[in-house]
Amino acid sequence: MKSAALELDRTDFRILEALSSEGRMSDVALGELINLSSTAVARRRRIMEEAGIIMGYSASLSLQELGFSGVVIVMVELRSQAEHVLDEFEREVIKCPSISYCGFISGDTDFIIMIHVSSLDEYDEIYRRELSNLPNVAKIRSSFVLREVARRSAVPIIFERGKKQARHAG
């Protein structure tokens, strides 16, 4: 991890909190918000970017408005958990254009996948074209999200911990 040596202070966490809600905020506006010069903000931002704490900036898209009204959570069990089997599955799942998230997890399931769809018919196509062709799959279970309850790009606990760290350091 690149950021292990970088000690963040309260000001750094304030910068991160502001950028997590408005990534396009200028250094001038950010400086005014946290009472710091734009030059100091730019320096701190650059350091956090170089350390890998700030990984990039992106637009938050409304998948609903783009026609993707459904979310499918797919649980995949593999025939084996041998390293070469896991590696082969991971290499192939990355190639699937419909998958927005895939994670290797503990428990009864090996991988959890998130797919955004416009209809059940579209999911059926994705299942047949992509999921059923993944290597070493023993079982696929799908659940459809009925209602989204929370979605966060940055969880508030990050900033709470940052405030606590800053209090203990000072």
Protein backbone atom coordinates (compact mmCIF):
# COMPACT_ATOMS: atom_id res chain seq x y z
CA MET A 1 0.00 0.00 0.00
CA LYS A 2 1.53 3.27 -1.09
CA SER A 3 -0.15 5.40 1.60
CA ALA A 4 1.18 3.46 4.64
CA ALA A 5 3.95 6.01 5.32
CA LEU A 6 1.73 9.07 4.81
CA GLU A 7 0.31 10.51 8.03
CA LEU A 8 -2.96 12.32 7.40
CA ASP A 9 -4.01 15.16 9.67
CA ARG A 10 -7.40 16.75 10.32
CA THR A 11 -6.94 19.15 7.38
CA ASP A 12 -6.22 16.25 5.01
CA PHE A 13 -9.40 14.52 6.14
CA ARG A 14 -11.39 17.73 5.61
CA ILE A 15 -10.01 17.92 2.06
CA LEU A 16 -10.93 14.28 1.44
CA GLU A 17 -14.42 14.77 2.85
CA ALA A 18 -15.07 17.78 0.61
CA LEU A 19 -13.67 16.07 -2.49
CA SER A 20 -15.67 12.90 -1.85
CA SER A 21 -18.89 14.88 -2.19
CA GLU A 22 -17.68 17.28 -4.92
CA GLY A 23 -14.68 15.94 -6.81
CA ARG A 24 -14.64 18.90 -9.22
CA MET A 25 -14.13 21.46 -6.44
CA SER A 26 -11.30 23.84 -7.32
CA ASP A 27 -8.35 24.35 -5.01
CA VAL A 28 -9.52 27.94 -4.45
CA ALA A 29 -13.04 26.88 -3.40
CA LEU A 30 -11.65 24.07 -1.29
CA GLY A 31 -9.22 26.46 0.40
CA GLU A 32 -12.05 28.86 1.21
CA LEU A 33 -14.11 26.01 2.64
CA ILE A 34 -11.39 24.74 4.99
CA ASN A 35 -9.59 28.05 5.58
CA LEU A 36 -6.36 27.19 3.77
CA SER A 37 -4.55 28.80 0.83
CA SER A 38 -5.21 27.31 -2.59
CA THR A 39 -1.48 26.58 -2.91
CA ALA A 40 -1.49 24.55 0.33
CA VAL A 41 -4.63 22.71 -0.80
CA ALA A 42 -3.04 21.90 -4.18
CA ARG A 43 0.12 20.62 -2.46
CA ARG A 44 -1.85 18.40 -0.05
CA ARG A 45 -4.09 17.11 -2.84
CA ARG A 46 -1.07 16.25 -5.01
CA ILE A 47 0.61 14.40 -2.12
CA MET A 48 -2.55 12.36 -1.49
CA GLU A 49 -2.89 11.61 -5.21
CA GLU A 50 0.73 10.46 -5.44
CA ALA A 51 0.32 8.32 -2.31
CA GLY A 52 -2.69 6.60 -3.89
CA ILE A 53 -5.17 7.87 -1.28
CA ILE A 54 -6.98 9.84 -3.97
CA MET A 55 -7.22 7.34 -6.81
CA GLY A 56 -8.94 9.56 -9.36
CA TYR A 57 -12.00 11.65 -10.15
CA SER A 58 -15.12 10.51 -11.94
CA ALA A 59 -18.69 11.46 -12.73
CA SER A 60 -21.49 9.82 -10.77
CA LEU A 61 -23.91 8.41 -13.33
CA SER A 62 -27.61 7.75 -12.79
CA LEU A 63 -27.94 4.21 -14.07
CA GLN A 64 -31.72 4.50 -13.62
CA GLU A 65 -31.84 7.48 -16.00
CA LEU A 66 -29.67 5.57 -18.47
CA GLY A 67 -32.23 2.76 -18.57
CA PHE A 68 -30.64 0.33 -16.13
CA SER A 69 -33.51 0.05 -13.66
CA GLY A 70 -32.59 -3.37 -12.26
CA VAL A 71 -29.71 -4.59 -10.15
CA VAL A 72 -28.89 -8.27 -9.93
CA ILE A 73 -26.66 -9.71 -7.23
CA VAL A 74 -25.12 -12.96 -8.46
CA MET A 75 -23.46 -15.47 -6.16
CA VAL A 76 -21.05 -17.89 -7.84
CA GLU A 77 -19.64 -21.09 -6.41
CA LEU A 78 -16.69 -22.69 -8.16
CA ARG A 79 -15.96 -26.42 -8.51
CA SER A 80 -12.68 -25.91 -6.68
CA GLN A 81 -10.80 -23.21 -4.81
CA ALA A 82 -7.42 -24.21 -6.19
CA GLU A 83 -5.33 -21.18 -7.07
CA HIS A 84 -5.27 -21.89 -10.81
CA VAL A 85 -9.09 -22.25 -10.81
CA LEU A 86 -9.55 -18.94 -8.99
CA ASP A 87 -7.06 -17.23 -11.31
CA GLU A 88 -8.77 -18.56 -14.44
CA PHE A 89 -12.22 -17.47 -13.23
CA GLU A 90 -10.94 -13.99 -12.32
CA ARG A 91 -9.22 -13.57 -15.70
CA GLU A 92 -12.44 -14.42 -17.52
CA VAL A 93 -14.91 -12.52 -15.32
CA ILE A 94 -12.95 -9.30 -15.89
CA LYS A 95 -13.71 -9.67 -19.61
CA CYS A 96 -17.51 -9.65 -19.03
CA PRO A 97 -18.79 -6.22 -20.09
CA SER A 98 -22.04 -6.46 -18.09
CA ILE A 99 -20.41 -6.91 -14.70
CA SER A 100 -19.97 -3.74 -12.66
CA TYR A 101 -18.50 -5.41 -9.55
CA CYS A 102 -16.99 -8.77 -8.68
CA GLY A 103 -15.45 -9.72 -5.36
CA PHE A 104 -13.96 -12.91 -3.92
CA ILE A 105 -15.73 -13.51 -0.62
CA SER A 106 -15.71 -15.83 2.38
CA GLY A 107 -18.51 -18.23 3.28
CA ASP A 108 -20.58 -20.61 1.17
CA THR A 109 -20.17 -18.53 -1.98
CA ASP A 110 -16.87 -17.87 -3.71
CA PHE A 111 -17.67 -14.71 -5.69
CA ILE A 112 -20.32 -12.04 -5.57
CA ILE A 113 -21.11 -10.14 -8.75
CA MET A 114 -23.23 -7.05 -9.40
CA ILE A 115 -24.93 -6.52 -12.74
CA HIS A 116 -27.15 -3.61 -13.82
CA VAL A 117 -29.92 -4.50 -16.28
CA SER A 118 -32.86 -2.86 -18.01
CA SER A 119 -35.11 -5.95 -17.84
CA LEU A 120 -35.37 -9.60 -16.87
CA ASP A 121 -34.94 -10.47 -20.53
CA GLU A 122 -31.65 -8.60 -20.58
CA TYR A 123 -30.46 -10.51 -17.52
CA ASP A 124 -31.42 -13.76 -19.24
CA GLU A 125 -29.23 -12.76 -22.21
CA ILE A 126 -26.33 -11.86 -19.90
CA TYR A 127 -26.74 -15.12 -18.01
CA ARG A 128 -26.63 -17.14 -21.22
CA ARG A 129 -23.92 -15.11 -23.00
CA GLU A 130 -21.56 -14.29 -20.13
CA LEU A 131 -22.23 -16.01 -16.80
CA SER A 132 -22.89 -19.52 -18.09
CA ASN A 133 -19.63 -19.42 -20.05
CA LEU A 134 -17.40 -18.61 -17.07
CA PRO A 135 -14.92 -21.42 -16.30
CA ASN A 136 -15.15 -23.84 -13.37
CA VAL A 137 -18.58 -22.68 -12.17
CA ALA A 138 -20.50 -25.21 -10.06
CA LYS A 139 -23.48 -23.04 -9.11
CA ILE A 140 -24.94 -19.62 -9.92
CA ARG A 141 -27.61 -18.01 -7.72
CA SER A 142 -29.19 -14.69 -8.60
CA SER A 143 -31.11 -12.21 -6.44
CA PHE A 144 -32.84 -9.10 -7.72
CA VAL A 145 -32.58 -5.89 -5.70
CA LEU A 146 -36.11 -4.71 -4.95
CA ARG A 147 -35.18 -1.34 -3.48
CA GLU A 148 -31.89 0.47 -2.97
CA VAL A 149 -31.59 1.64 0.62
CA ALA A 150 -28.13 3.24 0.67
CA ARG A 151 -25.36 4.03 -1.81
CA ARG A 152 -22.26 5.90 -0.77
CA SER A 153 -19.10 6.71 -2.65
CA ALA A 154 -17.31 7.31 0.67
CA VAL A 155 -18.58 5.99 3.98
CA PRO A 156 -18.88 8.58 6.79
CA ILE A 157 -16.86 6.43 9.24
CA ILE A 158 -13.71 7.27 7.25
CA PHE A 159 -14.01 10.93 8.19
CA GLU A 160 -15.04 10.16 11.79
CA ARG A 161 -11.90 8.04 12.22
CA GLY A 162 -9.87 10.84 10.67
CA LYS A 163 -11.23 13.30 13.23
CA LYS A 164 -10.47 10.89 16.08
CA GLN A 165 -6.93 10.28 14.78
CA ALA A 166 -6.33 14.00 14.57
CA ARG A 167 -7.58 14.54 18.16
CA HIS A 168 -5.29 11.80 19.52
CA ALA A 169 -2.29 13.04 17.54
CA GLY A 170 -2.63 16.62 18.73
